Amino acid sequence: MTSQLELTSLAALCRQLAKREPANGILWMAEAESWSRLSKEKHRNGTRKQISSGVLASLRVRSVERFVSSRVSKSSR
């Protein structure tokens, strides 16, 4: 199981990558938000059920795809 410190560190790393890769900044910030949210949940709940990394990754991908498609549709108006 991943510790809260690891989750927080992953969020910070993703924020740094967003600054270094502006072309993919939206994706990195979405990833950072996901890790940050998990860290806060872990802190609030103390312990939580472990989610399969494959399930978590697919949920993250869907979330990013929806976010990006909504941004694209807004900019094309």
N, C-alpha and C. Protein backbone atom coordinates (compact mmCIF):
# COMPACT_ATOMS: atom_id res chain seq x y z
N MET A 1 0.85 -1.17 0.00
CA MET A 1 0.00 0.00 0.00
C MET A 1 0.90 1.24 0.00
N THR A 2 0.50 2.26 -0.71
CA THR A 2 1.28 3.48 -0.85
C THR A 2 1.06 4.39 0.35
N SER A 3 2.14 4.99 0.85
CA SER A 3 2.03 5.87 2.00
C SER A 3 1.57 7.26 1.56
N GLN A 4 1.11 8.03 2.53
CA GLN A 4 0.66 9.39 2.23
C GLN A 4 1.82 10.23 1.70
N LEU A 5 3.01 10.03 2.25
CA LEU A 5 4.19 10.77 1.79
C LEU A 5 4.47 10.47 0.31
N GLU A 6 4.37 9.22 -0.08
CA GLU A 6 4.59 8.85 -1.48
C GLU A 6 3.57 9.51 -2.39
N LEU A 7 2.31 9.52 -1.97
CA LEU A 7 1.25 10.13 -2.78
C LEU A 7 1.49 11.63 -2.93
N THR A 8 1.87 12.28 -1.84
CA THR A 8 2.15 13.72 -1.89
C THR A 8 3.35 14.00 -2.78
N SER A 9 4.36 13.15 -2.70
CA SER A 9 5.55 13.32 -3.55
C SER A 9 5.23 13.14 -5.02
N LEU A 10 4.38 12.18 -5.33
CA LEU A 10 3.96 11.98 -6.73
C LEU A 10 3.20 13.20 -7.25
N ALA A 11 2.36 13.78 -6.42
CA ALA A 11 1.63 14.99 -6.83
C ALA A 11 2.60 16.13 -7.12
N ALA A 12 3.60 16.31 -6.24
CA ALA A 12 4.59 17.36 -6.44
C ALA A 12 5.40 17.13 -7.72
N LEU A 13 5.77 15.89 -7.97
CA LEU A 13 6.52 15.56 -9.18
C LEU A 13 5.70 15.90 -10.43
N CYS A 14 4.43 15.57 -10.42
CA CYS A 14 3.57 15.86 -11.57
C CYS A 14 3.45 17.36 -11.80
N ARG A 15 3.39 18.14 -10.73
CA ARG A 15 3.34 19.61 -10.87
C ARG A 15 4.63 20.14 -11.51
N GLN A 16 5.76 19.57 -11.11
CA GLN A 16 7.04 19.98 -11.71
C GLN A 16 7.07 19.63 -13.20
N LEU A 17 6.57 18.45 -13.53
CA LEU A 17 6.54 18.04 -14.93
C LEU A 17 5.62 18.94 -15.75
N ALA A 18 4.53 19.41 -15.15
CA ALA A 18 3.63 20.32 -15.85
C ALA A 18 4.34 21.61 -16.22
N LYS A 19 5.24 22.08 -15.34
CA LYS A 19 6.00 23.30 -15.64
C LYS A 19 7.05 23.04 -16.71
N ARG A 20 7.65 21.86 -16.69
CA ARG A 20 8.71 21.54 -17.65
C ARG A 20 8.16 21.18 -19.03
N GLU A 21 6.94 20.66 -19.07
CA GLU A 21 6.34 20.24 -20.33
C GLU A 21 5.01 20.97 -20.54
N PRO A 22 5.06 22.23 -20.92
CA PRO A 22 3.81 23.00 -21.07
C PRO A 22 2.81 22.37 -22.05
N ALA A 23 3.30 21.67 -23.05
CA ALA A 23 2.40 21.04 -24.02
C ALA A 23 1.52 19.97 -23.36
N ASN A 24 2.04 19.33 -22.33
CA ASN A 24 1.30 18.29 -21.61
C ASN A 24 0.90 18.74 -20.21
N GLY A 25 0.96 20.03 -19.98
CA GLY A 25 0.69 20.57 -18.65
C GLY A 25 -0.67 20.19 -18.09
N ILE A 26 -1.69 20.19 -18.91
CA ILE A 26 -3.04 19.84 -18.44
C ILE A 26 -3.07 18.40 -17.94
N LEU A 27 -2.43 17.52 -18.68
CA LEU A 27 -2.42 16.12 -18.27
C LEU A 27 -1.65 15.93 -16.97
N TRP A 28 -0.50 16.59 -16.85
CA TRP A 28 0.28 16.46 -15.62
C TRP A 28 -0.46 17.05 -14.42
N MET A 29 -1.16 18.16 -14.62
CA MET A 29 -1.90 18.76 -13.51
C MET A 29 -3.08 17.88 -13.11
N ALA A 30 -3.71 17.23 -14.07
CA ALA A 30 -4.79 16.30 -13.74
C ALA A 30 -4.25 15.13 -12.93
N GLU A 31 -3.08 14.66 -13.32
CA GLU A 31 -2.43 13.57 -12.59
C GLU A 31 -2.05 14.03 -11.18
N ALA A 32 -1.53 15.24 -11.07
CA ALA A 32 -1.17 15.78 -9.75
C ALA A 32 -2.40 15.89 -8.86
N GLU A 33 -3.50 16.35 -9.43
CA GLU A 33 -4.74 16.47 -8.65
C GLU A 33 -5.22 15.11 -8.16
N SER A 34 -5.08 14.12 -9.01
CA SER A 34 -5.49 12.77 -8.64
C SER A 34 -4.67 12.25 -7.46
N TRP A 35 -3.34 12.40 -7.53
CA TRP A 35 -2.48 11.94 -6.43
C TRP A 35 -2.75 12.74 -5.16
N SER A 36 -2.97 14.03 -5.33
CA SER A 36 -3.25 14.87 -4.17
C SER A 36 -4.56 14.46 -3.49
N ARG A 37 -5.57 14.18 -4.30
CA ARG A 37 -6.86 13.74 -3.76
C ARG A 37 -6.71 12.42 -3.01
N LEU A 38 -5.95 11.51 -3.56
CA LEU A 38 -5.72 10.23 -2.89
C LEU A 38 -4.98 10.44 -1.56
N SER A 39 -4.02 11.35 -1.55
CA SER A 39 -3.28 11.64 -0.33
C SER A 39 -4.20 12.19 0.75
N LYS A 40 -5.09 13.09 0.36
CA LYS A 40 -6.04 13.67 1.33
C LYS A 40 -7.01 12.63 1.84
N GLU A 41 -7.46 11.74 0.95
CA GLU A 41 -8.37 10.66 1.38
C GLU A 41 -7.67 9.74 2.37
N LYS A 42 -6.42 9.42 2.09
CA LYS A 42 -5.68 8.53 2.96
C LYS A 42 -5.49 9.19 4.32
N HIS A 43 -5.19 10.49 4.33
CA HIS A 43 -5.00 11.22 5.58
C HIS A 43 -6.31 11.27 6.37
N ARG A 44 -7.40 11.54 5.69
CA ARG A 44 -8.70 11.68 6.35
C ARG A 44 -9.20 10.33 6.89
N ASN A 45 -9.02 9.29 6.12
CA ASN A 45 -9.54 7.98 6.51
C ASN A 45 -8.57 7.16 7.35
N GLY A 46 -7.34 7.59 7.41
CA GLY A 46 -6.34 6.81 8.14
C GLY A 46 -5.92 5.61 7.31
N THR A 47 -6.80 4.69 7.10
CA THR A 47 -6.56 3.56 6.22
C THR A 47 -7.72 3.51 5.23
N ARG A 48 -7.44 3.00 4.09
CA ARG A 48 -8.50 2.87 3.09
C ARG A 48 -8.27 1.58 2.32
N LYS A 49 -9.29 1.16 1.64
CA LYS A 49 -9.16 -0.06 0.85
C LYS A 49 -8.18 0.18 -0.29
N GLN A 50 -7.37 -0.81 -0.54
CA GLN A 50 -6.41 -0.70 -1.62
C GLN A 50 -7.13 -0.90 -2.95
N ILE A 51 -6.89 0.01 -3.88
CA ILE A 51 -7.49 -0.07 -5.20
C ILE A 51 -6.43 -0.60 -6.15
N SER A 52 -6.82 -1.51 -6.99
CA SER A 52 -5.90 -2.05 -7.98
C SER A 52 -5.34 -0.91 -8.83
N SER A 53 -4.04 -0.91 -9.06
CA SER A 53 -3.41 0.17 -9.81
C SER A 53 -3.97 0.24 -11.23
N GLY A 54 -4.34 -0.88 -11.81
CA GLY A 54 -4.92 -0.87 -13.15
C GLY A 54 -6.26 -0.18 -13.19
N VAL A 55 -7.08 -0.42 -12.17
CA VAL A 55 -8.38 0.24 -12.08
C VAL A 55 -8.19 1.74 -11.89
N LEU A 56 -7.29 2.09 -10.98
CA LEU A 56 -7.02 3.49 -10.70
C LEU A 56 -6.50 4.20 -11.95
N ALA A 57 -5.60 3.56 -12.67
CA ALA A 57 -5.05 4.16 -13.89
C ALA A 57 -6.14 4.37 -14.94
N SER A 58 -7.02 3.40 -15.11
CA SER A 58 -8.07 3.56 -16.12
C SER A 58 -9.04 4.66 -15.73
N LEU A 59 -9.33 4.79 -14.44
CA LEU A 59 -10.20 5.88 -13.99
C LEU A 59 -9.54 7.24 -14.24
N ARG A 60 -8.23 7.29 -13.99
CA ARG A 60 -7.51 8.54 -14.21
C ARG A 60 -7.51 8.92 -15.68
N VAL A 61 -7.31 7.93 -16.55
CA VAL A 61 -7.31 8.19 -17.99
C VAL A 61 -8.66 8.71 -18.44
N ARG A 62 -9.73 8.08 -17.97
CA ARG A 62 -11.08 8.55 -18.34
C ARG A 62 -11.31 9.98 -17.87
N SER A 63 -10.87 10.28 -16.67
CA SER A 63 -11.05 11.61 -16.12
C SER A 63 -10.31 12.65 -16.96
N VAL A 64 -9.07 12.35 -17.33
CA VAL A 64 -8.28 13.27 -18.14
C VAL A 64 -8.90 13.42 -19.52
N GLU A 65 -9.35 12.33 -20.12
CA GLU A 65 -9.97 12.41 -21.45
C GLU A 65 -11.20 13.30 -21.43
N ARG A 66 -12.04 13.14 -20.40
CA ARG A 66 -13.23 14.00 -20.30
C ARG A 66 -12.85 15.46 -20.13
N PHE A 67 -11.86 15.70 -19.29
CA PHE A 67 -11.42 17.07 -19.05
C PHE A 67 -10.89 17.70 -20.33
N VAL A 68 -10.03 16.98 -21.04
CA VAL A 68 -9.43 17.49 -22.27
C VAL A 68 -10.50 17.71 -23.34
N SER A 69 -11.42 16.76 -23.50
CA SER A 69 -12.46 16.92 -24.53
C SER A 69 -13.37 18.10 -24.21
N SER A 70 -13.64 18.35 -22.93
CA SER A 70 -14.47 19.50 -22.58
C SER A 70 -13.73 20.81 -22.88
N ARG A 71 -12.42 20.82 -22.67
CA ARG A 71 -11.62 22.02 -22.96
C ARG A 71 -11.56 22.26 -24.47
N VAL A 72 -11.43 21.19 -25.25
CA VAL A 72 -11.36 21.31 -26.70
C VAL A 72 -12.68 21.81 -27.26
N SER A 73 -13.79 21.27 -26.75
CA SER A 73 -15.10 21.69 -27.26
C SER A 73 -15.39 23.14 -26.89
N LYS A 74 -14.92 23.60 -25.74
CA LYS A 74 -15.11 25.00 -25.36
C LYS A 74 -14.28 25.93 -26.22
N SER A 75 -13.06 25.52 -26.56
CA SER A 75 -12.19 26.39 -27.36
C SER A 75 -12.61 26.44 -28.83
N SER A 76 -13.34 25.43 -29.29
CA SER A 76 -13.76 25.42 -30.70
C SER A 76 -15.06 26.20 -30.93
N ARG A 77 -15.64 26.68 -29.86
CA ARG A 77 -16.90 27.45 -30.01
C ARG A 77 -16.66 28.84 -30.49
